[in-house]
Structures are given as structure tokens and as C-alpha cells.
N, C-alpha and C. Protein backbone atom coordinates (compact mmCIF):
# COMPACT_ATOMS: atom_id res chain seq x y z
N MET A 1 40.63 -21.54 20.29
CA MET A 1 39.37 -22.22 20.22
C MET A 1 39.32 -23.47 19.55
N GLU A 2 38.85 -24.50 20.08
CA GLU A 2 38.77 -25.87 19.41
C GLU A 2 37.66 -26.09 18.54
N ARG A 3 37.88 -26.56 17.30
CA ARG A 3 36.84 -26.80 16.34
C ARG A 3 36.37 -28.26 16.54
N ASN A 4 35.12 -28.46 16.56
CA ASN A 4 34.51 -29.82 16.55
C ASN A 4 34.25 -30.33 15.04
N ILE A 5 35.14 -30.97 14.43
CA ILE A 5 35.04 -31.29 13.09
C ILE A 5 33.95 -32.32 12.91
N ALA A 6 33.63 -33.13 13.90
CA ALA A 6 32.50 -34.16 13.75
C ALA A 6 31.18 -33.41 13.61
N MET A 7 31.10 -32.20 14.13
CA MET A 7 29.80 -31.47 14.09
C MET A 7 29.62 -30.81 12.66
N GLU A 8 30.71 -30.60 11.95
CA GLU A 8 30.63 -30.07 10.61
C GLU A 8 30.49 -31.18 9.57
N MET A 9 29.32 -31.11 8.80
CA MET A 9 29.04 -32.17 7.80
C MET A 9 29.23 -31.62 6.48
N VAL A 10 30.06 -32.13 5.71
CA VAL A 10 30.20 -31.81 4.32
C VAL A 10 29.24 -32.63 3.50
N VAL A 11 28.49 -31.89 2.74
CA VAL A 11 27.43 -32.49 1.94
C VAL A 11 27.73 -32.62 0.44
N TYR A 12 27.84 -33.86 -0.13
CA TYR A 12 28.15 -33.97 -1.51
C TYR A 12 26.85 -34.61 -2.05
N CYS A 13 26.37 -34.14 -3.08
CA CYS A 13 25.13 -34.58 -3.66
C CYS A 13 25.31 -34.90 -5.08
N LYS A 14 25.17 -36.19 -5.58
CA LYS A 14 25.33 -36.53 -6.99
C LYS A 14 24.01 -36.37 -7.67
N PRO A 15 23.75 -35.36 -8.50
CA PRO A 15 22.46 -35.17 -9.15
C PRO A 15 22.17 -36.43 -10.12
N VAL A 16 20.91 -36.65 -10.30
CA VAL A 16 20.36 -37.60 -11.31
C VAL A 16 19.19 -37.09 -12.02
N ASN A 17 18.77 -37.76 -12.98
CA ASN A 17 17.62 -37.31 -13.84
C ASN A 17 17.66 -35.92 -14.39
N ARG A 18 18.91 -35.80 -14.96
CA ARG A 18 19.26 -34.51 -15.86
C ARG A 18 19.34 -33.27 -14.89
N TYR A 19 19.53 -33.44 -13.54
CA TYR A 19 19.72 -32.25 -12.70
C TYR A 19 21.17 -31.88 -12.60
N ILE A 20 21.31 -30.55 -12.38
CA ILE A 20 22.65 -29.99 -12.27
C ILE A 20 22.64 -29.19 -10.83
N HIS A 21 23.71 -29.57 -10.09
CA HIS A 21 23.85 -28.80 -8.75
C HIS A 21 24.56 -27.43 -9.06
N ILE A 22 23.86 -26.32 -8.82
CA ILE A 22 24.57 -25.00 -9.07
C ILE A 22 24.74 -24.20 -7.85
N GLU A 23 25.54 -23.16 -7.95
CA GLU A 23 25.59 -22.15 -6.90
C GLU A 23 25.25 -20.79 -7.42
N LEU A 24 24.21 -20.24 -6.87
CA LEU A 24 23.84 -18.89 -7.36
C LEU A 24 24.63 -17.76 -6.70
N PRO A 25 24.81 -16.61 -7.36
CA PRO A 25 25.49 -15.57 -6.86
C PRO A 25 24.79 -15.03 -5.57
N THR A 26 25.56 -14.49 -4.69
CA THR A 26 24.99 -13.95 -3.49
C THR A 26 24.33 -12.75 -3.81
N ALA A 27 23.21 -12.48 -3.08
CA ALA A 27 22.42 -11.30 -3.26
C ALA A 27 23.06 -10.12 -2.50
N ARG A 28 22.84 -8.93 -2.94
CA ARG A 28 23.42 -7.80 -2.19
C ARG A 28 22.54 -7.67 -0.87
N GLY A 29 23.18 -7.16 0.13
CA GLY A 29 22.47 -7.03 1.42
C GLY A 29 21.49 -6.01 1.40
N GLU A 30 20.43 -6.26 2.23
CA GLU A 30 19.31 -5.25 2.27
C GLU A 30 19.78 -3.98 3.03
N ASN A 31 20.88 -3.95 3.66
CA ASN A 31 21.35 -2.80 4.49
C ASN A 31 22.35 -2.00 3.71
N ASP A 32 22.42 -2.17 2.37
CA ASP A 32 23.32 -1.37 1.57
C ASP A 32 22.76 0.03 1.67
N GLU A 33 23.77 0.99 1.82
CA GLU A 33 23.39 2.47 1.92
C GLU A 33 22.83 2.93 0.48
N SER A 34 21.77 3.74 0.63
CA SER A 34 21.21 4.24 -0.61
C SER A 34 21.05 5.80 -0.37
N THR A 35 21.09 6.62 -1.47
CA THR A 35 20.81 7.96 -1.45
C THR A 35 19.47 8.29 -1.75
N ILE A 36 18.67 7.30 -2.18
CA ILE A 36 17.29 7.48 -2.58
C ILE A 36 16.37 6.91 -1.58
N LEU A 37 15.38 7.65 -1.14
CA LEU A 37 14.39 7.22 -0.19
C LEU A 37 13.33 6.36 -0.89
N LEU A 38 13.10 5.20 -0.51
CA LEU A 38 12.06 4.31 -1.15
C LEU A 38 11.08 3.82 -0.06
N PRO A 39 9.88 3.46 -0.44
CA PRO A 39 8.87 3.05 0.50
C PRO A 39 9.36 1.73 1.13
N SER A 40 9.05 1.57 2.39
CA SER A 40 9.46 0.32 3.07
C SER A 40 8.99 -1.03 2.53
N ASP A 41 7.95 -0.93 1.80
CA ASP A 41 7.44 -2.28 1.10
C ASP A 41 8.00 -2.41 -0.32
N PHE A 42 8.93 -1.54 -0.69
CA PHE A 42 9.50 -1.51 -2.11
C PHE A 42 10.44 -2.78 -2.29
N LYS A 43 10.24 -3.65 -3.29
CA LYS A 43 11.14 -4.70 -3.60
C LYS A 43 11.56 -4.62 -5.01
N PRO A 44 12.91 -4.45 -5.27
CA PRO A 44 13.31 -4.34 -6.60
C PRO A 44 12.96 -5.63 -7.40
N THR A 45 12.79 -5.40 -8.75
CA THR A 45 12.59 -6.59 -9.54
C THR A 45 13.79 -7.33 -9.70
N GLU A 46 13.73 -8.74 -9.64
CA GLU A 46 14.93 -9.57 -9.72
C GLU A 46 15.10 -9.92 -11.16
N GLU A 47 16.27 -10.12 -11.64
CA GLU A 47 16.56 -10.57 -12.92
C GLU A 47 16.06 -11.94 -13.18
N ARG A 48 15.47 -12.25 -14.34
CA ARG A 48 14.94 -13.59 -14.58
C ARG A 48 16.21 -14.61 -14.89
N TYR A 49 17.16 -14.05 -15.51
CA TYR A 49 18.28 -14.89 -15.96
C TYR A 49 19.55 -14.43 -15.20
N VAL A 50 20.27 -15.39 -14.58
CA VAL A 50 21.36 -15.03 -13.83
C VAL A 50 22.52 -16.05 -14.21
N VAL A 51 23.79 -15.71 -13.90
CA VAL A 51 24.95 -16.58 -14.15
C VAL A 51 25.12 -17.35 -12.80
N ALA A 52 25.28 -18.64 -12.93
CA ALA A 52 25.43 -19.46 -11.75
C ALA A 52 26.71 -20.40 -12.00
N LYS A 53 27.26 -20.88 -10.97
CA LYS A 53 28.44 -21.76 -10.94
C LYS A 53 28.05 -23.22 -10.89
N VAL A 54 28.45 -24.04 -11.80
CA VAL A 54 28.18 -25.44 -11.79
C VAL A 54 29.05 -26.20 -10.73
N ASN A 55 28.44 -27.08 -9.86
CA ASN A 55 29.21 -27.80 -8.86
C ASN A 55 29.30 -29.33 -9.28
N ALA A 56 28.09 -29.82 -9.75
CA ALA A 56 28.05 -31.24 -10.07
C ALA A 56 26.87 -31.44 -11.07
N TRP A 57 26.76 -32.48 -11.74
CA TRP A 57 25.72 -32.68 -12.70
C TRP A 57 25.51 -34.30 -12.85
N ALA A 58 24.25 -34.55 -13.31
CA ALA A 58 23.89 -36.01 -13.55
C ALA A 58 24.62 -36.49 -14.78
N ASP A 59 24.85 -37.77 -14.83
CA ASP A 59 25.45 -38.41 -16.15
C ASP A 59 24.61 -38.24 -17.33
N ASP A 60 23.28 -38.13 -17.20
CA ASP A 60 22.38 -38.11 -18.41
C ASP A 60 22.08 -36.63 -18.82
N VAL A 61 22.80 -35.67 -18.22
CA VAL A 61 22.57 -34.19 -18.67
C VAL A 61 22.97 -34.29 -20.16
N ARG A 62 22.11 -33.63 -20.96
CA ARG A 62 22.34 -33.68 -22.37
C ARG A 62 23.58 -33.08 -23.05
N PHE A 63 24.10 -32.11 -22.22
CA PHE A 63 25.44 -31.51 -22.63
C PHE A 63 26.39 -31.79 -21.59
N ALA A 64 26.47 -32.82 -21.00
CA ALA A 64 27.40 -33.19 -19.88
C ALA A 64 28.91 -33.04 -20.43
N ASP A 65 29.18 -33.37 -21.65
CA ASP A 65 30.51 -33.28 -22.10
C ASP A 65 31.05 -31.84 -22.25
N SER A 66 30.17 -30.82 -22.16
CA SER A 66 30.52 -29.34 -22.19
C SER A 66 30.61 -28.93 -20.81
N LEU A 67 30.26 -29.62 -19.79
CA LEU A 67 30.36 -29.06 -18.43
C LEU A 67 31.71 -29.45 -17.68
N SER A 68 32.09 -28.64 -16.75
CA SER A 68 33.20 -28.98 -15.87
C SER A 68 32.92 -28.17 -14.57
N ALA A 69 33.61 -28.63 -13.56
CA ALA A 69 33.43 -28.06 -12.23
C ALA A 69 33.83 -26.54 -12.26
N ASP A 70 32.95 -25.75 -11.72
CA ASP A 70 33.21 -24.31 -11.56
C ASP A 70 32.97 -23.58 -12.84
N ILE A 71 32.50 -24.20 -13.86
CA ILE A 71 32.09 -23.50 -15.13
C ILE A 71 30.74 -22.63 -14.82
N GLU A 72 30.65 -21.55 -15.60
CA GLU A 72 29.53 -20.74 -15.37
C GLU A 72 28.46 -21.00 -16.42
N VAL A 73 27.21 -20.92 -16.02
CA VAL A 73 26.05 -21.09 -16.94
C VAL A 73 25.10 -20.01 -16.69
N VAL A 74 24.25 -19.67 -17.77
CA VAL A 74 23.28 -18.75 -17.57
C VAL A 74 21.92 -19.57 -17.38
N ILE A 75 21.21 -19.28 -16.29
CA ILE A 75 19.98 -20.06 -15.97
C ILE A 75 18.75 -19.26 -15.85
N ASP A 76 17.55 -19.84 -15.97
CA ASP A 76 16.28 -19.27 -15.73
C ASP A 76 16.17 -19.38 -14.28
N LYS A 77 16.38 -18.33 -13.52
CA LYS A 77 16.38 -18.39 -12.06
C LYS A 77 15.08 -18.83 -11.41
N SER A 78 13.96 -18.56 -12.16
CA SER A 78 12.67 -18.95 -11.62
C SER A 78 12.55 -20.47 -11.56
N MET A 79 13.35 -21.21 -12.27
CA MET A 79 13.25 -22.70 -12.28
C MET A 79 14.18 -23.35 -11.39
N ALA A 80 15.04 -22.64 -10.65
CA ALA A 80 15.96 -23.23 -9.76
C ALA A 80 15.26 -23.82 -8.60
N GLU A 81 15.55 -24.89 -8.04
CA GLU A 81 14.93 -25.65 -6.97
C GLU A 81 15.91 -25.73 -5.79
N GLU A 82 15.48 -25.22 -4.67
CA GLU A 82 16.21 -25.26 -3.37
C GLU A 82 15.80 -26.42 -2.52
N ILE A 83 16.78 -27.20 -2.07
CA ILE A 83 16.48 -28.39 -1.25
C ILE A 83 17.37 -28.30 -0.10
N MET A 84 16.92 -28.91 1.04
CA MET A 84 17.70 -28.94 2.24
C MET A 84 18.17 -30.38 2.46
N ILE A 85 19.50 -30.58 2.69
CA ILE A 85 20.10 -31.88 2.98
C ILE A 85 21.03 -31.55 4.19
N HIS A 86 20.66 -32.32 5.31
CA HIS A 86 21.52 -32.15 6.53
C HIS A 86 21.72 -30.68 6.90
N ASN A 87 20.62 -29.95 6.91
CA ASN A 87 20.65 -28.50 7.32
C ASN A 87 21.40 -27.60 6.36
N ARG A 88 21.63 -28.21 5.18
CA ARG A 88 22.45 -27.25 4.21
C ARG A 88 21.61 -27.15 2.96
N GLN A 89 21.48 -25.90 2.48
CA GLN A 89 20.69 -25.62 1.36
C GLN A 89 21.40 -25.82 0.06
N LEU A 90 20.91 -26.62 -0.95
CA LEU A 90 21.48 -26.84 -2.21
C LEU A 90 20.52 -26.45 -3.28
N THR A 91 21.17 -25.95 -4.36
CA THR A 91 20.28 -25.45 -5.45
C THR A 91 20.42 -26.28 -6.68
N MET A 92 19.40 -26.80 -7.19
CA MET A 92 19.42 -27.77 -8.34
C MET A 92 18.56 -27.10 -9.50
N ILE A 93 18.97 -27.55 -10.72
CA ILE A 93 18.08 -27.01 -11.94
C ILE A 93 18.20 -28.22 -12.87
N GLN A 94 17.15 -28.36 -13.59
CA GLN A 94 17.16 -29.30 -14.76
C GLN A 94 17.96 -28.78 -15.94
N ASP A 95 18.56 -29.61 -16.74
CA ASP A 95 19.29 -29.15 -17.84
C ASP A 95 18.60 -28.36 -18.90
N ASN A 96 17.24 -28.58 -19.00
CA ASN A 96 16.58 -27.67 -20.09
C ASN A 96 16.39 -26.37 -19.61
N TYR A 97 16.72 -25.90 -18.38
CA TYR A 97 16.64 -24.52 -17.93
C TYR A 97 17.98 -23.78 -18.03
N ILE A 98 19.00 -24.50 -18.50
CA ILE A 98 20.25 -23.81 -18.78
C ILE A 98 20.18 -23.19 -20.09
N ILE A 99 20.37 -21.80 -20.14
CA ILE A 99 20.26 -20.98 -21.36
C ILE A 99 21.51 -20.98 -22.13
N ALA A 100 22.67 -20.94 -21.47
CA ALA A 100 23.91 -20.88 -22.09
C ALA A 100 25.10 -21.21 -21.16
N ILE A 101 26.18 -21.74 -21.80
CA ILE A 101 27.33 -21.92 -21.02
C ILE A 101 28.28 -20.84 -21.35
N VAL A 102 28.89 -20.16 -20.23
CA VAL A 102 29.76 -18.95 -20.41
C VAL A 102 31.16 -19.47 -20.65
N THR A 103 31.76 -18.99 -21.66
CA THR A 103 33.07 -19.43 -22.01
C THR A 103 33.95 -18.18 -22.21
N ASP A 104 35.31 -18.33 -22.17
CA ASP A 104 36.24 -17.26 -22.28
C ASP A 104 36.41 -16.87 -23.72
């Protein structure tokens, strides 16, 4: 099968104004098997803070010297902003909603 590379658009977005482009962890599927019967309208509570991967950041991020590509950070998930660029969803967050940088 032939791939039409022209149809695939790679989106690179350089954040500005203290924004950081992050990648959130993938959520578990709703079809996961469970041994407990729950009401159909039940929604589990989501964690407020999650670990995200950094993809890119603005030059004016206050701790830019501490960031690198693929580093993990703890964020306030409720403050993450999702935007669409060329039919691709990107997640951005301002630097003041980064709670911690995960290190080894």
C-alpha cells in the first residue's frame, strides 16, 4: 500500500508567552474489563495533578534552563489548554502551572 506523504502534515509549534507544549499520558480505555458492576453514568474522579512530557517551550519560560526535550513535569491538569492546529490537537500550559520537574 502506497503512503501519501503529502497528506501527512507534521505540526511543529514554537510556544511563546511562557507557554510549554506538553504531551499528556494516554487515558485508559473505557472498555477495560472490570469485575465490579458500576452504574452506566459513573465517571471516576480524575487526578488533578499528572505527569506530562515536555515537547517544546517558550524562550521566556522562567525555568527554561531546567527544561529539555522529553523531560517529565508535574502539572495541574485542569489548567492544560488544548488547541487544534491543522487537525492535530496540541496541549499547552503556562509555566506557572508546572508544579515540579521530575528528575532521576
